[in-house]
């Protein structure tokens, strides 16, 4: 089962509050541009995550992460 935009939103909220997680692998999931917004929020607020793998996640340059979630 692959994650979608809604799933990554739920994961993002959990990771923002997680002070122990240092690696998150999301590769191969269909996150799309809405998922990119959630990932941007995650990066902005989580201070312990050092590795984030989101290759092959259907992300494009058309999404503007500055739009917010």
N, C-alpha and C. Protein backbone atom coordinates (compact mmCIF):
# COMPACT_ATOMS: atom_id res chain seq x y z
N UNK A 1 0.84 -1.18 0.00
CA UNK A 1 0.00 0.00 0.00
C UNK A 1 0.88 1.24 0.00
N UNK A 2 0.58 2.18 -0.88
CA UNK A 2 1.34 3.42 -0.97
C UNK A 2 0.66 4.53 -0.18
N UNK A 3 1.48 5.46 0.28
CA UNK A 3 0.95 6.63 0.96
C UNK A 3 0.46 7.64 -0.07
N UNK A 4 -0.55 8.43 0.31
CA UNK A 4 -1.04 9.49 -0.55
C UNK A 4 -0.88 10.82 0.19
N UNK A 5 -1.41 11.88 -0.40
CA UNK A 5 -1.28 13.22 0.19
C UNK A 5 -1.86 13.29 1.59
N UNK A 6 -3.01 12.68 1.81
CA UNK A 6 -3.65 12.70 3.13
C UNK A 6 -2.80 11.97 4.16
N UNK A 7 -2.24 10.84 3.77
CA UNK A 7 -1.41 10.05 4.68
C UNK A 7 -0.17 10.82 5.10
N UNK A 8 0.47 11.50 4.14
CA UNK A 8 1.69 12.24 4.50
C UNK A 8 1.35 13.43 5.39
N UNK A 9 0.14 13.97 5.28
CA UNK A 9 -0.29 15.02 6.20
C UNK A 9 -0.35 14.52 7.63
N UNK A 10 -0.89 13.34 7.81
CA UNK A 10 -0.98 12.74 9.14
C UNK A 10 0.41 12.43 9.68
N UNK A 11 1.25 11.87 8.84
CA UNK A 11 2.63 11.56 9.24
C UNK A 11 3.38 12.83 9.58
N UNK A 12 3.19 13.87 8.79
CA UNK A 12 3.88 15.14 9.02
C UNK A 12 3.55 15.70 10.40
N UNK A 13 2.28 15.68 10.76
CA UNK A 13 1.88 16.18 12.08
C UNK A 13 2.57 15.40 13.20
N UNK A 14 2.70 14.09 13.03
CA UNK A 14 3.35 13.27 14.05
C UNK A 14 4.86 13.55 14.11
N UNK A 15 5.47 13.73 12.95
CA UNK A 15 6.92 13.95 12.90
C UNK A 15 7.29 15.32 13.44
N UNK A 16 6.45 16.31 13.23
CA UNK A 16 6.72 17.65 13.76
C UNK A 16 6.91 17.58 15.27
N UNK A 17 6.12 16.77 15.94
CA UNK A 17 6.17 16.68 17.40
C UNK A 17 7.14 15.62 17.91
N UNK A 18 7.78 14.87 17.01
CA UNK A 18 8.66 13.77 17.42
C UNK A 18 10.09 14.26 17.55
N UNK A 19 10.64 14.19 18.76
CA UNK A 19 11.99 14.66 19.00
C UNK A 19 13.03 13.56 18.89
N UNK A 20 12.63 12.35 18.57
CA UNK A 20 13.57 11.23 18.50
C UNK A 20 13.85 10.77 17.07
N UNK A 21 12.94 11.02 16.16
CA UNK A 21 13.08 10.54 14.79
C UNK A 21 14.17 11.31 14.07
N UNK A 22 15.11 10.58 13.45
CA UNK A 22 16.17 11.26 12.70
C UNK A 22 16.17 10.89 11.22
N UNK A 23 15.41 9.87 10.82
CA UNK A 23 15.34 9.45 9.42
C UNK A 23 13.89 9.15 9.05
N UNK A 24 13.47 9.67 7.90
CA UNK A 24 12.13 9.40 7.39
C UNK A 24 12.25 9.09 5.90
N UNK A 25 11.80 7.90 5.52
CA UNK A 25 11.87 7.47 4.13
C UNK A 25 10.46 7.41 3.57
N UNK A 26 10.18 8.29 2.61
CA UNK A 26 8.87 8.36 1.97
C UNK A 26 8.93 7.97 0.50
N UNK A 27 10.08 7.58 0.01
CA UNK A 27 10.29 7.32 -1.42
C UNK A 27 9.30 6.31 -1.98
N UNK A 28 8.93 6.56 -3.25
CA UNK A 28 8.05 5.64 -3.95
C UNK A 28 6.58 5.82 -3.68
N UNK A 29 6.20 6.86 -2.95
CA UNK A 29 4.80 7.12 -2.65
C UNK A 29 4.28 8.27 -3.49
N UNK A 30 2.99 8.34 -3.69
CA UNK A 30 2.38 9.36 -4.53
C UNK A 30 1.94 10.55 -3.68
N UNK A 31 2.92 11.37 -3.28
CA UNK A 31 2.65 12.46 -2.36
C UNK A 31 2.09 13.69 -3.05
N UNK A 32 2.51 13.96 -4.27
CA UNK A 32 2.01 15.11 -5.01
C UNK A 32 2.39 16.43 -4.36
N UNK A 33 1.84 17.50 -4.91
CA UNK A 33 2.18 18.84 -4.43
C UNK A 33 1.61 19.15 -3.05
N UNK A 34 0.44 18.62 -2.74
CA UNK A 34 -0.10 18.82 -1.39
C UNK A 34 0.79 18.13 -0.37
N UNK A 35 1.28 16.94 -0.72
CA UNK A 35 2.23 16.26 0.15
C UNK A 35 3.50 17.07 0.33
N UNK A 36 3.91 17.78 -0.72
CA UNK A 36 5.10 18.63 -0.63
C UNK A 36 4.89 19.75 0.39
N UNK A 37 3.69 20.28 0.46
CA UNK A 37 3.38 21.30 1.47
C UNK A 37 3.55 20.74 2.88
N UNK A 38 3.05 19.54 3.09
CA UNK A 38 3.19 18.90 4.40
C UNK A 38 4.65 18.62 4.72
N UNK A 39 5.41 18.19 3.74
CA UNK A 39 6.84 17.94 3.94
C UNK A 39 7.56 19.24 4.31
N UNK A 40 7.20 20.33 3.64
CA UNK A 40 7.81 21.63 3.96
C UNK A 40 7.52 22.02 5.40
N UNK A 41 6.30 21.79 5.85
CA UNK A 41 5.95 22.10 7.25
C UNK A 41 6.76 21.23 8.20
N UNK A 42 6.88 19.97 7.86
CA UNK A 42 7.66 19.03 8.66
C UNK A 42 9.10 19.52 8.81
N UNK A 43 9.71 19.91 7.70
CA UNK A 43 11.10 20.38 7.71
C UNK A 43 11.23 21.66 8.53
N UNK A 44 10.25 22.52 8.41
CA UNK A 44 10.31 23.82 9.09
C UNK A 44 10.28 23.67 10.61
N UNK A 45 9.53 22.70 11.13
CA UNK A 45 9.32 22.62 12.57
C UNK A 45 10.04 21.48 13.29
N UNK A 46 10.46 20.44 12.59
CA UNK A 46 11.16 19.34 13.24
C UNK A 46 12.65 19.66 13.27
N UNK A 47 13.26 19.59 14.45
CA UNK A 47 14.68 19.97 14.58
C UNK A 47 15.61 18.77 14.67
N UNK A 48 15.08 17.56 14.70
CA UNK A 48 15.94 16.39 14.86
C UNK A 48 16.08 15.56 13.59
N UNK A 49 15.22 15.75 12.62
CA UNK A 49 15.26 14.97 11.39
C UNK A 49 16.50 15.36 10.57
N UNK A 50 17.36 14.39 10.31
CA UNK A 50 18.57 14.68 9.55
C UNK A 50 18.55 14.05 8.16
N UNK A 51 17.68 13.06 7.94
CA UNK A 51 17.59 12.41 6.63
C UNK A 51 16.11 12.31 6.23
N UNK A 52 15.81 12.86 5.07
CA UNK A 52 14.47 12.77 4.51
C UNK A 52 14.59 12.31 3.07
N UNK A 53 14.08 11.12 2.77
CA UNK A 53 14.15 10.54 1.43
C UNK A 53 12.76 10.60 0.82
N UNK A 54 12.60 11.44 -0.19
CA UNK A 54 11.30 11.53 -0.85
C UNK A 54 11.47 11.52 -2.37
N UNK A 55 12.41 10.68 -2.84
CA UNK A 55 12.56 10.56 -4.29
C UNK A 55 11.45 9.68 -4.86
N UNK A 56 11.13 9.94 -6.12
CA UNK A 56 10.09 9.18 -6.82
C UNK A 56 8.74 9.27 -6.10
N UNK A 57 8.37 10.49 -5.70
CA UNK A 57 7.12 10.70 -4.96
C UNK A 57 6.12 11.57 -5.70
N UNK A 58 6.26 11.66 -7.02
CA UNK A 58 5.32 12.43 -7.82
C UNK A 58 5.29 13.90 -7.41
N UNK A 59 6.45 14.43 -7.02
CA UNK A 59 6.56 15.85 -6.70
C UNK A 59 6.94 16.60 -7.96
N UNK A 60 6.40 17.79 -8.13
CA UNK A 60 6.70 18.59 -9.32
C UNK A 60 7.16 19.98 -8.89
N UNK A 61 7.62 20.74 -9.86
CA UNK A 61 8.03 22.11 -9.57
C UNK A 61 6.85 23.07 -9.61
N UNK A 62 5.67 22.60 -9.97
CA UNK A 62 4.52 23.49 -10.08
C UNK A 62 3.92 23.84 -8.74
N UNK A 63 4.18 23.05 -7.72
CA UNK A 63 3.66 23.36 -6.38
C UNK A 63 4.49 24.45 -5.74
N UNK A 64 3.85 25.38 -5.05
CA UNK A 64 4.54 26.45 -4.37
C UNK A 64 4.43 26.23 -2.89
N UNK A 65 5.51 25.81 -2.26
CA UNK A 65 5.48 25.50 -0.84
C UNK A 65 5.24 26.73 0.02
N UNK A 66 5.32 27.90 -0.56
CA UNK A 66 5.04 29.11 0.20
C UNK A 66 3.55 29.38 0.36
N UNK A 67 2.73 28.60 -0.33
CA UNK A 67 1.28 28.77 -0.20
C UNK A 67 0.77 28.32 1.17
N UNK A 68 1.54 27.49 1.86
CA UNK A 68 1.13 26.99 3.15
C UNK A 68 0.19 25.81 3.03
N UNK A 69 -0.11 25.23 4.17
CA UNK A 69 -1.00 24.06 4.21
C UNK A 69 -2.23 24.41 4.98
